[in-house]
Amino acid sequence: WVNNGKQNNVITDDGRGIDNRSFTEEEERELYEYIRDLFINHNLFIDDECIKIMAKKKWDTKYPEYKDGFKASNGWLYIFKKIWRISTRT
């Protein structure tokens, strides 16, 4: 990712090139672990909008100079949930 000093031209297993990956794998893992520890392990309700809000807040905290650089889109959410095997209810 160019903005945080890392650059990699390898296509990942999930089909996303580096241009489509907003968070690094470690940052996505941190977000997943936060969701797991706070919601999943305590059997609390979580929906897509909650995940989007948490992801946007994490982005804004880590990259305040690039606040418009990440949109928690439905496509991003779908891939994130697929990678980390998260299911939500509507």
PDB file of N, CA and C in Angstrom:
ATOM      1  N   TRP A   1       0.860  -1.166   0.000  1.00  0.00           N
ATOM      2  CA  TRP A   1       0.000   0.000   0.000  1.00  0.00           C
ATOM      3  C   TRP A   1       0.898   1.217   0.000  1.00  0.00           C
ATOM      4  N   VAL A   2       0.700   2.066  -0.927  1.00  0.00           N
ATOM      5  CA  VAL A   2       1.601   3.190  -1.136  1.00  0.00           C
ATOM      6  C   VAL A   2       1.535   4.181   0.018  1.00  0.00           C
ATOM      7  N   ASN A   3       0.360   4.444   0.565  1.00  0.00           N
ATOM      8  CA  ASN A   3       0.206   5.474   1.590  1.00  0.00           C
ATOM      9  C   ASN A   3       0.912   5.146   2.895  1.00  0.00           C
ATOM     10  N   ASN A   4       1.064   3.870   3.225  1.00  0.00           N
ATOM     11  CA  ASN A   4       1.723   3.549   4.486  1.00  0.00           C
ATOM     12  C   ASN A   4       3.140   3.026   4.267  1.00  0.00           C
ATOM     13  N   GLY A   5       3.688   3.263   3.068  1.00  0.00           N
ATOM     14  CA  GLY A   5       5.075   2.935   2.824  1.00  0.00           C
ATOM     15  C   GLY A   5       5.335   1.531   2.348  1.00  0.00           C
ATOM     16  N   LYS A   6       4.295   0.736   2.168  1.00  0.00           N
ATOM     17  CA  LYS A   6       4.482  -0.630   1.704  1.00  0.00           C
ATOM     18  C   LYS A   6       4.002  -0.718   0.258  1.00  0.00           C
ATOM     19  N   GLN A   7       4.722  -1.441  -0.542  1.00  0.00           N
ATOM     20  CA  GLN A   7       4.275  -1.637  -1.909  1.00  0.00           C
ATOM     21  C   GLN A   7       4.516  -3.073  -2.299  1.00  0.00           C
ATOM     22  N   ASN A   8       3.514  -3.687  -2.875  1.00  0.00           N
ATOM     23  CA  ASN A   8       3.582  -5.081  -3.240  1.00  0.00           C
ATOM     24  C   ASN A   8       2.701  -5.276  -4.463  1.00  0.00           C
ATOM     25  N   ASN A   9       3.217  -5.847  -5.502  1.00  0.00           N
ATOM     26  CA  ASN A   9       2.451  -6.043  -6.726  1.00  0.00           C
ATOM     27  C   ASN A   9       1.871  -7.435  -6.848  1.00  0.00           C
ATOM     28  N   VAL A  10       1.940  -8.226  -5.821  1.00  0.00           N
ATOM     29  CA  VAL A  10       1.455  -9.596  -5.854  1.00  0.00           C
ATOM     30  C   VAL A  10      -0.056  -9.599  -5.663  1.00  0.00           C
ATOM     31  N   ILE A  11      -0.748 -10.414  -6.445  1.00  0.00           N
ATOM     32  CA  ILE A  11      -2.183 -10.586  -6.275  1.00  0.00           C
ATOM     33  C   ILE A  11      -2.385 -11.561  -5.121  1.00  0.00           C
ATOM     34  N   THR A  12      -3.246 -11.210  -4.200  1.00  0.00           N
ATOM     35  CA  THR A  12      -3.474 -12.054  -3.034  1.00  0.00           C
ATOM     36  C   THR A  12      -4.402 -13.213  -3.381  1.00  0.00           C
ATOM     37  N   ASP A  13      -4.514 -14.181  -2.480  1.00  0.00           N
ATOM     38  CA  ASP A  13      -5.359 -15.351  -2.699  1.00  0.00           C
ATOM     39  C   ASP A  13      -6.822 -14.985  -2.859  1.00  0.00           C
ATOM     40  N   ASP A  14      -7.245 -13.887  -2.275  1.00  0.00           N
ATOM     41  CA  ASP A  14      -8.643 -13.485  -2.365  1.00  0.00           C
ATOM     42  C   ASP A  14      -8.935 -12.709  -3.638  1.00  0.00           C
ATOM     43  N   GLY A  15      -7.956 -12.597  -4.548  1.00  0.00           N
ATOM     44  CA  GLY A  15      -8.181 -11.950  -5.825  1.00  0.00           C
ATOM     45  C   GLY A  15      -7.953 -10.453  -5.824  1.00  0.00           C
ATOM     46  N   ARG A  16      -7.631  -9.886  -4.667  1.00  0.00           N
ATOM     47  CA  ARG A  16      -7.435  -8.449  -4.595  1.00  0.00           C
ATOM     48  C   ARG A  16      -5.970  -8.136  -4.820  1.00  0.00           C
ATOM     49  N   GLY A  17      -5.723  -7.231  -5.718  1.00  0.00           N
ATOM     50  CA  GLY A  17      -4.368  -6.729  -5.868  1.00  0.00           C
ATOM     51  C   GLY A  17      -4.111  -5.709  -4.788  1.00  0.00           C
ATOM     52  N   ILE A  18      -2.924  -5.232  -4.718  1.00  0.00           N
ATOM     53  CA  ILE A  18      -2.587  -4.264  -3.673  1.00  0.00           C
ATOM     54  C   ILE A  18      -3.369  -2.966  -3.849  1.00  0.00           C
ATOM     55  N   ASP A  19      -3.760  -2.643  -5.075  1.00  0.00           N
ATOM     56  CA  ASP A  19      -4.510  -1.411  -5.309  1.00  0.00           C
ATOM     57  C   ASP A  19      -5.899  -1.460  -4.686  1.00  0.00           C
ATOM     58  N   ASN A  20      -6.452  -2.651  -4.487  1.00  0.00           N
ATOM     59  CA  ASN A  20      -7.789  -2.780  -3.940  1.00  0.00           C
ATOM     60  C   ASN A  20      -7.797  -3.049  -2.443  1.00  0.00           C
ATOM     61  N   ARG A  21      -6.649  -3.232  -1.858  1.00  0.00           N
ATOM     62  CA  ARG A  21      -6.584  -3.570  -0.446  1.00  0.00           C
ATOM     63  C   ARG A  21      -6.344  -2.299   0.350  1.00  0.00           C
ATOM     64  N   SER A  22      -7.307  -1.900   1.152  1.00  0.00           N
ATOM     65  CA  SER A  22      -7.189  -0.677   1.940  1.00  0.00           C
ATOM     66  C   SER A  22      -6.321  -0.906   3.167  1.00  0.00           C
ATOM     67  N   PHE A  23      -6.681  -1.885   3.962  1.00  0.00           N
ATOM     68  CA  PHE A  23      -5.924  -2.218   5.158  1.00  0.00           C
ATOM     69  C   PHE A  23      -4.873  -3.268   4.817  1.00  0.00           C
ATOM     70  N   THR A  24      -3.802  -3.294   5.590  1.00  0.00           N
ATOM     71  CA  THR A  24      -2.858  -4.399   5.451  1.00  0.00           C
ATOM     72  C   THR A  24      -3.494  -5.636   6.079  1.00  0.00           C
ATOM     73  N   GLU A  25      -2.901  -6.790   5.831  1.00  0.00           N
ATOM     74  CA  GLU A  25      -3.439  -8.016   6.410  1.00  0.00           C
ATOM     75  C   GLU A  25      -3.418  -7.952   7.931  1.00  0.00           C
ATOM     76  N   GLU A  26      -2.365  -7.380   8.498  1.00  0.00           N
ATOM     77  CA  GLU A  26      -2.262  -7.256   9.956  1.00  0.00           C
ATOM     78  C   GLU A  26      -3.360  -6.336  10.507  1.00  0.00           C
ATOM     79  N   GLU A  27      -3.639  -5.250   9.810  1.00  0.00           N
ATOM     80  CA  GLU A  27      -4.696  -4.339  10.263  1.00  0.00           C
ATOM     81  C   GLU A  27      -6.064  -5.002  10.171  1.00  0.00           C
ATOM     82  N   GLU A  28      -6.293  -5.778   9.106  1.00  0.00           N
ATOM     83  CA  GLU A  28      -7.553  -6.515   9.003  1.00  0.00           C
ATOM     84  C   GLU A  28      -7.658  -7.546  10.120  1.00  0.00           C
ATOM     85  N   ARG A  29      -6.548  -8.202  10.443  1.00  0.00           N
ATOM     86  CA  ARG A  29      -6.546  -9.185  11.535  1.00  0.00           C
ATOM     87  C   ARG A  29      -6.903  -8.502  12.863  1.00  0.00           C
ATOM     88  N   GLU A  30      -6.336  -7.330  13.106  1.00  0.00           N
ATOM     89  CA  GLU A  30      -6.646  -6.588  14.333  1.00  0.00           C
ATOM     90  C   GLU A  30      -8.136  -6.255  14.398  1.00  0.00           C
ATOM     91  N   LEU A  31      -8.709  -5.832  13.273  1.00  0.00           N
ATOM     92  CA  LEU A  31     -10.139  -5.521  13.236  1.00  0.00           C
ATOM     93  C   LEU A  31     -10.966  -6.771  13.495  1.00  0.00           C
ATOM     94  N   TYR A  32     -10.596  -7.879  12.858  1.00  0.00           N
ATOM     95  CA  TYR A  32     -11.307  -9.135  13.091  1.00  0.00           C
ATOM     96  C   TYR A  32     -11.224  -9.559  14.556  1.00  0.00           C
ATOM     97  N   GLU A  33     -10.033  -9.497  15.142  1.00  0.00           N
ATOM     98  CA  GLU A  33      -9.867  -9.913  16.535  1.00  0.00           C
ATOM     99  C   GLU A  33     -10.673  -9.028  17.475  1.00  0.00           C
ATOM    100  N   TYR A  34     -10.748  -7.745  17.172  1.00  0.00           N
ATOM    101  CA  TYR A  34     -11.572  -6.844  17.969  1.00  0.00           C
ATOM    102  C   TYR A  34     -13.041  -7.257  17.888  1.00  0.00           C
ATOM    103  N   ILE A  35     -13.522  -7.529  16.688  1.00  0.00           N
ATOM    104  CA  ILE A  35     -14.912  -7.955  16.494  1.00  0.00           C
ATOM    105  C   ILE A  35     -15.151  -9.289  17.191  1.00  0.00           C
ATOM    106  N   ARG A  36     -14.204 -10.206  17.034  1.00  0.00           N
ATOM    107  CA  ARG A  36     -14.338 -11.530  17.658  1.00  0.00           C
ATOM    108  C   ARG A  36     -14.410 -11.421  19.178  1.00  0.00           C
ATOM    109  N   ASP A  37     -13.478 -10.665  19.757  1.00  0.00           N
ATOM    110  CA  ASP A  37     -13.418 -10.569  21.215  1.00  0.00           C
ATOM    111  C   ASP A  37     -14.607  -9.822  21.804  1.00  0.00           C
ATOM    112  N   LEU A  38     -15.057  -8.788  21.116  1.00  0.00           N
ATOM    113  CA  LEU A  38     -16.122  -7.949  21.661  1.00  0.00           C
ATOM    114  C   LEU A  38     -17.517  -8.500  21.381  1.00  0.00           C
ATOM    115  N   PHE A  39     -17.738  -9.041  20.176  1.00  0.00           N
ATOM    116  CA  PHE A  39     -19.083  -9.451  19.784  1.00  0.00           C
ATOM    117  C   PHE A  39     -19.258 -10.959  19.705  1.00  0.00           C
ATOM    118  N   ILE A  40     -18.432 -11.612  18.921  1.00  0.00           N
ATOM    119  CA  ILE A  40     -18.629 -13.038  18.639  1.00  0.00           C
ATOM    120  C   ILE A  40     -18.465 -13.882  19.891  1.00  0.00           C
ATOM    121  N   ASN A  41     -17.401 -13.671  20.646  1.00  0.00           N
ATOM    122  CA  ASN A  41     -17.168 -14.485  21.841  1.00  0.00           C
ATOM    123  C   ASN A  41     -18.211 -14.258  22.932  1.00  0.00           C
ATOM    124  N   HIS A  42     -18.911 -13.140  22.885  1.00  0.00           N
ATOM    125  CA  HIS A  42     -19.944 -12.846  23.881  1.00  0.00           C
ATOM    126  C   HIS A  42     -21.351 -13.016  23.320  1.00  0.00           C
ATOM    127  N   ASN A  43     -21.443 -13.606  22.125  1.00  0.00           N
ATOM    128  CA  ASN A  43     -22.739 -13.856  21.473  1.00  0.00           C
ATOM    129  C   ASN A  43     -23.590 -12.593  21.360  1.00  0.00           C
ATOM    130  N   LEU A  44     -22.946 -11.477  21.050  1.00  0.00           N
ATOM    131  CA  LEU A  44     -23.661 -10.223  20.868  1.00  0.00           C
ATOM    132  C   LEU A  44     -23.989 -10.010  19.398  1.00  0.00           C
ATOM    133  N   PHE A  45     -25.074  -9.307  19.144  1.00  0.00           N
ATOM    134  CA  PHE A  45     -25.518  -9.022  17.787  1.00  0.00           C
ATOM    135  C   PHE A  45     -24.558  -8.058  17.098  1.00  0.00           C
ATOM    136  N   ILE A  46     -24.251  -8.327  15.848  1.00  0.00           N
ATOM    137  CA  ILE A  46     -23.465  -7.419  15.023  1.00  0.00           C
ATOM    138  C   ILE A  46     -24.015  -7.504  13.601  1.00  0.00           C
ATOM    139  N   ASP A  47     -24.102  -6.363  12.954  1.00  0.00           N
ATOM    140  CA  ASP A  47     -24.568  -6.360  11.571  1.00  0.00           C
ATOM    141  C   ASP A  47     -23.538  -5.666  10.685  1.00  0.00           C
ATOM    142  N   ASP A  48     -23.842  -5.623   9.405  1.00  0.00           N
ATOM    143  CA  ASP A  48     -22.908  -5.061   8.432  1.00  0.00           C
ATOM    144  C   ASP A  48     -22.575  -3.608   8.730  1.00  0.00           C
ATOM    145  N   GLU A  49     -23.550  -2.839   9.115  1.00  0.00           N
ATOM    146  CA  GLU A  49     -23.310  -1.418   9.385  1.00  0.00           C
ATOM    147  C   GLU A  49     -22.368  -1.218  10.568  1.00  0.00           C
ATOM    148  N   CYS A  50     -22.466  -2.070  11.578  1.00  0.00           N
ATOM    149  CA  CYS A  50     -21.546  -1.988  12.722  1.00  0.00           C
ATOM    150  C   CYS A  50     -20.108  -2.225  12.276  1.00  0.00           C
ATOM    151  N   ILE A  51     -19.911  -3.226  11.425  1.00  0.00           N
ATOM    152  CA  ILE A  51     -18.562  -3.533  10.941  1.00  0.00           C
ATOM    153  C   ILE A  51     -18.028  -2.379  10.107  1.00  0.00           C
ATOM    154  N   LYS A  52     -18.874  -1.820   9.255  1.00  0.00           N
ATOM    155  CA  LYS A  52     -18.457  -0.681   8.427  1.00  0.00           C
ATOM    156  C   LYS A  52     -18.040   0.506   9.289  1.00  0.00           C
ATOM    157  N   ILE A  53     -18.804   0.787  10.333  1.00  0.00           N
ATOM    158  CA  ILE A  53     -18.484   1.912  11.221  1.00  0.00           C
ATOM    159  C   ILE A  53     -17.162   1.661  11.937  1.00  0.00           C
ATOM    160  N   MET A  54     -16.953   0.440  12.437  1.00  0.00           N
ATOM    161  CA  MET A  54     -15.697   0.126  13.122  1.00  0.00           C
ATOM    162  C   MET A  54     -14.511   0.229  12.169  1.00  0.00           C
ATOM    163  N   ALA A  55     -14.679  -0.236  10.946  1.00  0.00           N
ATOM    164  CA  ALA A  55     -13.590  -0.177   9.957  1.00  0.00           C
ATOM    165  C   ALA A  55     -13.265   1.268   9.606  1.00  0.00           C
ATOM    166  N   LYS A  56     -14.284   2.088   9.422  1.00  0.00           N
ATOM    167  CA  LYS A  56     -14.065   3.497   9.079  1.00  0.00           C
ATOM    168  C   LYS A  56     -13.375   4.228  10.230  1.00  0.00           C
ATOM    169  N   LYS A  57     -13.772   3.952  11.459  1.00  0.00           N
ATOM    170  CA  LYS A  57     -13.124   4.578  12.616  1.00  0.00           C
ATOM    171  C   LYS A  57     -11.664   4.140  12.727  1.00  0.00           C
ATOM    172  N   LYS A  58     -11.397   2.861  12.473  1.00  0.00           N
ATOM    173  CA  LYS A  58     -10.026   2.363  12.517  1.00  0.00           C
ATOM    174  C   LYS A  58      -9.191   3.068  11.451  1.00  0.00           C
ATOM    175  N   TRP A  59      -9.739   3.200  10.246  1.00  0.00           N
ATOM    176  CA  TRP A  59      -9.022   3.883   9.163  1.00  0.00           C
ATOM    177  C   TRP A  59      -8.728   5.334   9.546  1.00  0.00           C
ATOM    178  N   ASP A  60      -9.741   6.048  10.022  1.00  0.00           N
ATOM    179  CA  ASP A  60      -9.575   7.462  10.371  1.00  0.00           C
ATOM    180  C   ASP A  60      -8.562   7.656  11.492  1.00  0.00           C
ATOM    181  N   THR A  61      -8.478   6.693  12.399  1.00  0.00           N
ATOM    182  CA  THR A  61      -7.520   6.769  13.493  1.00  0.00           C
ATOM    183  C   THR A  61      -6.099   6.514  13.003  1.00  0.00           C
ATOM    184  N   LYS A  62      -5.935   5.502  12.164  1.00  0.00           N
ATOM    185  CA  LYS A  62      -4.602   5.140  11.686  1.00  0.00           C
ATOM    186  C   LYS A  62      -4.068   6.088  10.616  1.00  0.00           C
ATOM    187  N   TYR A  63      -4.958   6.602   9.782  1.00  0.00           N
ATOM    188  CA  TYR A  63      -4.546   7.453   8.656  1.00  0.00           C
ATOM    189  C   TYR A  63      -5.363   8.749   8.641  1.00  0.00           C
ATOM    190  N   PRO A  64      -5.168   9.626   9.628  1.00  0.00           N
ATOM    191  CA  PRO A  64      -5.991  10.844   9.686  1.00  0.00           C
ATOM    192  C   PRO A  64      -5.781  11.772   8.489  1.00  0.00           C
ATOM    193  N   GLU A  65      -4.622  11.699   7.848  1.00  0.00           N
ATOM    194  CA  GLU A  65      -4.372  12.556   6.696  1.00  0.00           C
ATOM    195  C   GLU A  65      -5.049  12.026   5.425  1.00  0.00           C
ATOM    196  N   TYR A  66      -5.552  10.795   5.462  1.00  0.00           N
ATOM    197  CA  TYR A  66      -6.229  10.185   4.309  1.00  0.00           C
ATOM    198  C   TYR A  66      -7.651   9.767   4.673  1.00  0.00           C
ATOM    199  N   LYS A  67      -8.389  10.607   5.354  1.00  0.00           N
ATOM    200  CA  LYS A  67      -9.730  10.228   5.810  1.00  0.00           C
ATOM    201  C   LYS A  67     -10.664   9.851   4.668  1.00  0.00           C
ATOM    202  N   ASP A  68     -10.463  10.454   3.506  1.00  0.00           N
ATOM    203  CA  ASP A  68     -11.319  10.116   2.363  1.00  0.00           C
ATOM    204  C   ASP A  68     -10.765   8.955   1.550  1.00  0.00           C
ATOM    205  N   GLY A  69      -9.688   8.341   2.011  1.00  0.00           N
ATOM    206  CA  GLY A  69      -9.042   7.265   1.272  1.00  0.00           C
ATOM    207  C   GLY A  69      -9.703   5.908   1.426  1.00  0.00           C
ATOM    208  N   PHE A  70     -10.659   5.777   2.312  1.00  0.00           N
ATOM    209  CA  PHE A  70     -11.305   4.482   2.541  1.00  0.00           C
ATOM    210  C   PHE A  70     -12.799   4.670   2.663  1.00  0.00           C
ATOM    211  N   LYS A  71     -13.504   3.941   1.847  1.00  0.00           N
ATOM    212  CA  LYS A  71     -14.960   3.896   1.927  1.00  0.00           C
ATOM    213  C   LYS A  71     -15.319   2.461   2.288  1.00  0.00           C
ATOM    214  N   ALA A  72     -15.979   2.267   3.365  1.00  0.00           N
ATOM    215  CA  ALA A  72     -16.376   0.919   3.783  1.00  0.00           C
ATOM    216  C   ALA A  72     -17.551   0.473   2.914  1.00  0.00           C
ATOM    217  N   SER A  73     -17.246   0.073   1.694  1.00  0.00           N
ATOM    218  CA  SER A  73     -18.275  -0.302   0.725  1.00  0.00           C
ATOM    219  C   SER A  73     -18.805  -1.704   1.007  1.00  0.00           C
ATOM    220  N   ASN A  74     -19.908  -2.018   0.367  1.00  0.00           N
ATOM    221  CA  ASN A  74     -20.462  -3.364   0.500  1.00  0.00           C
ATOM    222  C   ASN A  74     -19.499  -4.401  -0.060  1.00  0.00           C
ATOM    223  N   GLY A  75     -18.781  -4.068  -1.129  1.00  0.00           N
ATOM    224  CA  GLY A  75     -17.805  -4.981  -1.710  1.00  0.00           C
ATOM    225  C   GLY A  75     -16.665  -5.266  -0.748  1.00  0.00           C
ATOM    226  N   TRP A  76     -16.137  -4.202  -0.119  1.00  0.00           N
ATOM    227  CA  TRP A  76     -15.077  -4.402   0.862  1.00  0.00           C
ATOM    228  C   TRP A  76     -15.577  -5.274   1.997  1.00  0.00           C
ATOM    229  N   LEU A  77     -16.781  -4.990   2.480  1.00  0.00           N
ATOM    230  CA  LEU A  77     -17.357  -5.735   3.599  1.00  0.00           C
ATOM    231  C   LEU A  77     -17.544  -7.207   3.246  1.00  0.00           C
ATOM    232  N   TYR A  78     -18.052  -7.479   2.051  1.00  0.00           N
ATOM    233  CA  TYR A  78     -18.272  -8.859   1.623  1.00  0.00           C
ATOM    234  C   TYR A  78     -16.962  -9.642   1.643  1.00  0.00           C
ATOM    235  N   ILE A  79     -15.910  -9.066   1.091  1.00  0.00           N
ATOM    236  CA  ILE A  79     -14.616  -9.748   1.040  1.00  0.00           C
ATOM    237  C   ILE A  79     -14.039  -9.918   2.443  1.00  0.00           C
ATOM    238  N   PHE A  80     -14.152  -8.872   3.279  1.00  0.00           N
ATOM    239  CA  PHE A  80     -13.658  -8.957   4.658  1.00  0.00           C
ATOM    240  C   PHE A  80     -14.350 -10.087   5.416  1.00  0.00           C
ATOM    241  N   LYS A  81     -15.673 -10.161   5.303  1.00  0.00           N
ATOM    242  CA  LYS A  81     -16.416 -11.206   5.998  1.00  0.00           C
ATOM    243  C   LYS A  81     -16.075 -12.590   5.460  1.00  0.00           C
ATOM    244  N   LYS A  82     -15.846 -12.694   4.163  1.00  0.00           N
ATOM    245  CA  LYS A  82     -15.499 -13.977   3.556  1.00  0.00           C
ATOM    246  C   LYS A  82     -14.127 -14.447   4.034  1.00  0.00           C
ATOM    247  N   ILE A  83     -13.157 -13.553   4.037  1.00  0.00           N
ATOM    248  CA  ILE A  83     -11.795 -13.908   4.455  1.00  0.00           C
ATOM    249  C   ILE A  83     -11.776 -14.376   5.906  1.00  0.00           C
ATOM    250  N   TRP A  84     -12.460 -13.646   6.776  1.00  0.00           N
ATOM    251  CA  TRP A  84     -12.408 -13.934   8.207  1.00  0.00           C
ATOM    252  C   TRP A  84     -13.570 -14.797   8.691  1.00  0.00           C
ATOM    253  N   ARG A  85     -14.358 -15.288   7.754  1.00  0.00           N
ATOM    254  CA  ARG A  85     -15.473 -16.215   8.050  1.00  0.00           C
ATOM    255  C   ARG A  85     -16.417 -15.643   9.100  1.00  0.00           C
ATOM    256  N   ILE A  86     -16.886 -14.441   8.825  1.00  0.00           N
ATOM    257  CA  ILE A  86     -17.839 -13.777   9.699  1.00  0.00           C
ATOM    258  C   ILE A  86     -19.206 -13.807   9.007  1.00  0.00           C
ATOM    259  N   SER A  87     -20.223 -14.130   9.750  1.00  0.00           N
ATOM    260  CA  SER A  87     -21.576 -14.041   9.209  1.00  0.00           C
ATOM    261  C   SER A  87     -22.369 -13.092  10.098  1.00  0.00           C
ATOM    262  N   THR A  88     -23.248 -12.337   9.470  1.00  0.00           N
ATOM    263  CA  THR A  88     -24.053 -11.370  10.208  1.00  0.00           C
ATOM    264  C   THR A  88     -25.516 -11.581   9.845  1.00  0.00           C
ATOM    265  N   ARG A  89     -26.356 -11.010  10.647  1.00  0.00           N
ATOM    266  CA  ARG A  89     -27.789 -11.068  10.399  1.00  0.00           C
ATOM    267  C   ARG A  89     -28.305  -9.678  10.085  1.00  0.00           C
ATOM    268  N   THR A  90     -29.383  -9.634   9.312  1.00  0.00           N
ATOM    269  CA  THR A  90     -30.010  -8.336   9.038  1.00  0.00           C
ATOM    270  C   THR A  90     -31.306  -8.225   9.782  1.00  0.00           C
TER     271      THR A  90
END
